[in-house]
Amino acid sequence: MSVRLADRSFQYPVGIAENMLVEVGKFTFHADFVILEMEEDSKVPLILGRPFLHNADAIIRVKQKQLNIRVGTERMIFNIDSAMKHSYSNDDTCFSIDVIDEILEEVRHSSRRKRQNPLFH
């Protein structure tokens, strides 16, 4: 698998973190993340793609500048306009995960074992 970035360059994942818990407002969702080895930029938010939007039963209302997500009968509405103007300088949001090195090591170790075991070929 390769990932094409906004600058049109390609990155190759070093692993995939599956079934991670992601908190969005008052909801918690399971999501998978592609792990890339690259420079961290705290001003760039995580991109939640179509599978996440599907799981969140999201409705994007462009004219009203809203993102609606639902879980069962509970619903949250995010104002897209104010989110885009959000300042990162006074933000307590985490864009990196402290255990990422541990996950990368697990993925590398697992990949090495698969390459060394003839049953996986």
C-alpha atoms as a PDB file:
ATOM      1  CA  MET A   1       0.000   0.000   0.000  1.00  0.00           C
ATOM      2  CA  SER A   2       1.152   3.547  -0.666  1.00  0.00           C
ATOM      3  CA  VAL A   3      -0.334   6.813   0.589  1.00  0.00           C
ATOM      4  CA  ARG A   4      -0.362   9.873  -1.646  1.00  0.00           C
ATOM      5  CA  LEU A   5       0.040  13.076   0.362  1.00  0.00           C
ATOM      6  CA  ALA A   6      -1.301  16.561  -0.373  1.00  0.00           C
ATOM      7  CA  ASP A   7       2.077  17.589  -1.826  1.00  0.00           C
ATOM      8  CA  ARG A   8       1.651  14.666  -4.293  1.00  0.00           C
ATOM      9  CA  SER A   9       4.515  12.691  -2.804  1.00  0.00           C
ATOM     10  CA  PHE A  10       4.074   9.051  -1.822  1.00  0.00           C
ATOM     11  CA  GLN A  11       4.706   7.538   1.589  1.00  0.00           C
ATOM     12  CA  TYR A  12       4.766   3.856   2.412  1.00  0.00           C
ATOM     13  CA  PRO A  13       3.262   2.834   5.740  1.00  0.00           C
ATOM     14  CA  VAL A  14       5.372   1.132   8.366  1.00  0.00           C
ATOM     15  CA  GLY A  15       2.231  -0.399   9.827  1.00  0.00           C
ATOM     16  CA  ILE A  16      -1.446  -0.124  10.591  1.00  0.00           C
ATOM     17  CA  ALA A  17      -2.891   0.483  14.066  1.00  0.00           C
ATOM     18  CA  GLU A  18      -6.210  -1.329  14.035  1.00  0.00           C
ATOM     19  CA  ASN A  19      -9.246  -0.882  16.228  1.00  0.00           C
ATOM     20  CA  MET A  20      -7.982   2.218  18.070  1.00  0.00           C
ATOM     21  CA  LEU A  21     -10.418   4.266  20.164  1.00  0.00           C
ATOM     22  CA  VAL A  22     -10.988   7.812  18.902  1.00  0.00           C
ATOM     23  CA  GLU A  23     -12.890  10.326  21.007  1.00  0.00           C
ATOM     24  CA  VAL A  24     -14.936  12.908  19.097  1.00  0.00           C
ATOM     25  CA  GLY A  25     -16.897  15.142  21.437  1.00  0.00           C
ATOM     26  CA  LYS A  26     -18.945  12.832  23.663  1.00  0.00           C
ATOM     27  CA  PHE A  27     -18.618   9.832  21.323  1.00  0.00           C
ATOM     28  CA  THR A  28     -15.929   7.168  21.149  1.00  0.00           C
ATOM     29  CA  PHE A  29     -15.380   5.293  17.869  1.00  0.00           C
ATOM     30  CA  HIS A  30     -13.139   2.461  16.734  1.00  0.00           C
ATOM     31  CA  ALA A  31     -10.825   3.454  13.869  1.00  0.00           C
ATOM     32  CA  ASP A  32      -7.824   2.084  11.993  1.00  0.00           C
ATOM     33  CA  PHE A  33      -4.789   4.305  11.367  1.00  0.00           C
ATOM     34  CA  VAL A  34      -2.104   4.020   8.707  1.00  0.00           C
ATOM     35  CA  ILE A  35       1.266   4.647  10.396  1.00  0.00           C
ATOM     36  CA  LEU A  36       3.716   6.719   8.361  1.00  0.00           C
ATOM     37  CA  GLU A  37       7.280   7.507   9.304  1.00  0.00           C
ATOM     38  CA  MET A  38       7.561  11.239   8.742  1.00  0.00           C
ATOM     39  CA  GLU A  39       8.181  14.556  10.471  1.00  0.00           C
ATOM     40  CA  GLU A  40       5.444  15.456  12.987  1.00  0.00           C
ATOM     41  CA  ASP A  41       3.605  18.747  12.471  1.00  0.00           C
ATOM     42  CA  SER A  42       1.292  19.629  15.367  1.00  0.00           C
ATOM     43  CA  LYS A  43      -0.536  22.182  13.194  1.00  0.00           C
ATOM     44  CA  VAL A  44      -1.828  19.435  10.885  1.00  0.00           C
ATOM     45  CA  PRO A  45      -4.865  17.631  12.317  1.00  0.00           C
ATOM     46  CA  LEU A  46      -5.611  13.964  11.872  1.00  0.00           C
ATOM     47  CA  ILE A  47      -7.639  13.272   8.762  1.00  0.00           C
ATOM     48  CA  LEU A  48     -10.662  11.111   9.436  1.00  0.00           C
ATOM     49  CA  GLY A  49     -11.666   9.483   6.164  1.00  0.00           C
ATOM     50  CA  ARG A  50     -14.752   7.927   4.651  1.00  0.00           C
ATOM     51  CA  PRO A  51     -14.766   4.785   6.836  1.00  0.00           C
ATOM     52  CA  PHE A  52     -14.848   6.972   9.957  1.00  0.00           C
ATOM     53  CA  LEU A  53     -17.586   9.188   8.503  1.00  0.00           C
ATOM     54  CA  HIS A  54     -19.557   6.026   7.699  1.00  0.00           C
ATOM     55  CA  ASN A  55     -19.154   4.642  11.245  1.00  0.00           C
ATOM     56  CA  ALA A  56     -20.174   8.010  12.719  1.00  0.00           C
ATOM     57  CA  ASP A  57     -23.247   8.117  10.451  1.00  0.00           C
ATOM     58  CA  ALA A  58     -22.004  11.571   9.469  1.00  0.00           C
ATOM     59  CA  ILE A  59     -24.023  14.061   7.493  1.00  0.00           C
ATOM     60  CA  ILE A  60     -22.128  16.997   6.013  1.00  0.00           C
ATOM     61  CA  ARG A  61     -24.388  20.005   5.507  1.00  0.00           C
ATOM     62  CA  VAL A  62     -22.278  22.334   3.378  1.00  0.00           C
ATOM     63  CA  LYS A  63     -24.812  25.167   3.125  1.00  0.00           C
ATOM     64  CA  GLN A  64     -25.296  25.219   6.911  1.00  0.00           C
ATOM     65  CA  LYS A  65     -21.537  24.659   7.487  1.00  0.00           C
ATOM     66  CA  GLN A  66     -22.246  21.693   9.760  1.00  0.00           C
ATOM     67  CA  LEU A  67     -20.978  18.179  10.346  1.00  0.00           C
ATOM     68  CA  ASN A  68     -23.579  16.027  12.113  1.00  0.00           C
ATOM     69  CA  ILE A  69     -22.552  12.708  13.671  1.00  0.00           C
ATOM     70  CA  ARG A  70     -24.855  10.192  15.332  1.00  0.00           C
ATOM     71  CA  VAL A  71     -24.578   7.144  17.527  1.00  0.00           C
ATOM     72  CA  GLY A  72     -27.955   5.529  18.098  1.00  0.00           C
ATOM     73  CA  THR A  73     -30.295   8.312  19.189  1.00  0.00           C
ATOM     74  CA  GLU A  74     -27.470  10.617  20.369  1.00  0.00           C
ATOM     75  CA  ARG A  75     -26.351  13.361  17.988  1.00  0.00           C
ATOM     76  CA  MET A  76     -23.629  16.030  17.884  1.00  0.00           C
ATOM     77  CA  ILE A  77     -23.361  18.981  15.526  1.00  0.00           C
ATOM     78  CA  PHE A  78     -19.988  20.550  14.718  1.00  0.00           C
ATOM     79  CA  ASN A  79     -19.775  24.004  13.170  1.00  0.00           C
ATOM     80  CA  ILE A  80     -17.291  23.544  10.316  1.00  0.00           C
ATOM     81  CA  ASP A  81     -16.718  27.274   9.903  1.00  0.00           C
ATOM     82  CA  SER A  82     -15.548  27.766  13.494  1.00  0.00           C
ATOM     83  CA  ALA A  83     -13.494  24.553  13.388  1.00  0.00           C
ATOM     84  CA  MET A  84     -11.585  25.810  10.335  1.00  0.00           C
ATOM     85  CA  LYS A  85     -10.788  29.089  12.122  1.00  0.00           C
ATOM     86  CA  HIS A  86      -9.677  27.262  15.273  1.00  0.00           C
ATOM     87  CA  SER A  87      -6.315  28.390  16.632  1.00  0.00           C
ATOM     88  CA  TYR A  88      -3.893  25.604  17.457  1.00  0.00           C
ATOM     89  CA  SER A  89      -1.752  27.785  19.733  1.00  0.00           C
ATOM     90  CA  ASN A  90      -4.120  27.459  22.727  1.00  0.00           C
ATOM     91  CA  ASP A  91      -5.298  23.946  22.023  1.00  0.00           C
ATOM     92  CA  ASP A  92      -5.020  20.975  24.375  1.00  0.00           C
ATOM     93  CA  THR A  93      -5.767  18.496  21.592  1.00  0.00           C
ATOM     94  CA  CYS A  94      -3.335  15.621  21.060  1.00  0.00           C
ATOM     95  CA  PHE A  95      -2.247  14.976  17.477  1.00  0.00           C
ATOM     96  CA  SER A  96       0.384  12.414  18.322  1.00  0.00           C
ATOM     97  CA  ILE A  97       0.211   9.255  20.369  1.00  0.00           C
ATOM     98  CA  ASP A  98       2.812   8.543  23.053  1.00  0.00           C
ATOM     99  CA  VAL A  99       2.800   4.798  22.381  1.00  0.00           C
ATOM    100  CA  ILE A 100       3.575   5.163  18.682  1.00  0.00           C
ATOM    101  CA  ASP A 101       7.171   3.927  19.125  1.00  0.00           C
ATOM    102  CA  GLU A 102       5.886   0.808  20.886  1.00  0.00           C
ATOM    103  CA  ILE A 103       3.371   0.141  18.108  1.00  0.00           C
ATOM    104  CA  LEU A 104       6.020   0.653  15.427  1.00  0.00           C
ATOM    105  CA  GLU A 105       8.340  -1.783  17.195  1.00  0.00           C
ATOM    106  CA  GLU A 106       5.529  -4.371  17.401  1.00  0.00           C
ATOM    107  CA  VAL A 107       4.794  -3.969  13.681  1.00  0.00           C
ATOM    108  CA  ARG A 108       8.477  -4.249  12.753  1.00  0.00           C
ATOM    109  CA  HIS A 109       8.908  -7.296  14.992  1.00  0.00           C
ATOM    110  CA  SER A 110       5.810  -8.954  13.505  1.00  0.00           C
ATOM    111  CA  SER A 111       7.007  -8.217   9.944  1.00  0.00           C
ATOM    112  CA  ARG A 112      10.418  -9.737  10.715  1.00  0.00           C
ATOM    113  CA  ARG A 113       8.799 -12.894  12.121  1.00  0.00           C
ATOM    114  CA  LYS A 114       6.572 -13.267   9.047  1.00  0.00           C
ATOM    115  CA  ARG A 115       9.549 -12.889   6.688  1.00  0.00           C
ATOM    116  CA  GLN A 116      11.550 -15.480   8.646  1.00  0.00           C
ATOM    117  CA  ASN A 117       8.721 -18.027   8.917  1.00  0.00           C
ATOM    118  CA  PRO A 118       8.311 -20.093   5.715  1.00  0.00           C
ATOM    119  CA  LEU A 119       4.619 -20.728   6.537  1.00  0.00           C
ATOM    120  CA  PHE A 120       3.843 -17.070   5.756  1.00  0.00           C
ATOM    121  CA  HIS A 121       5.248 -17.179   2.188  1.00  0.00           C
END
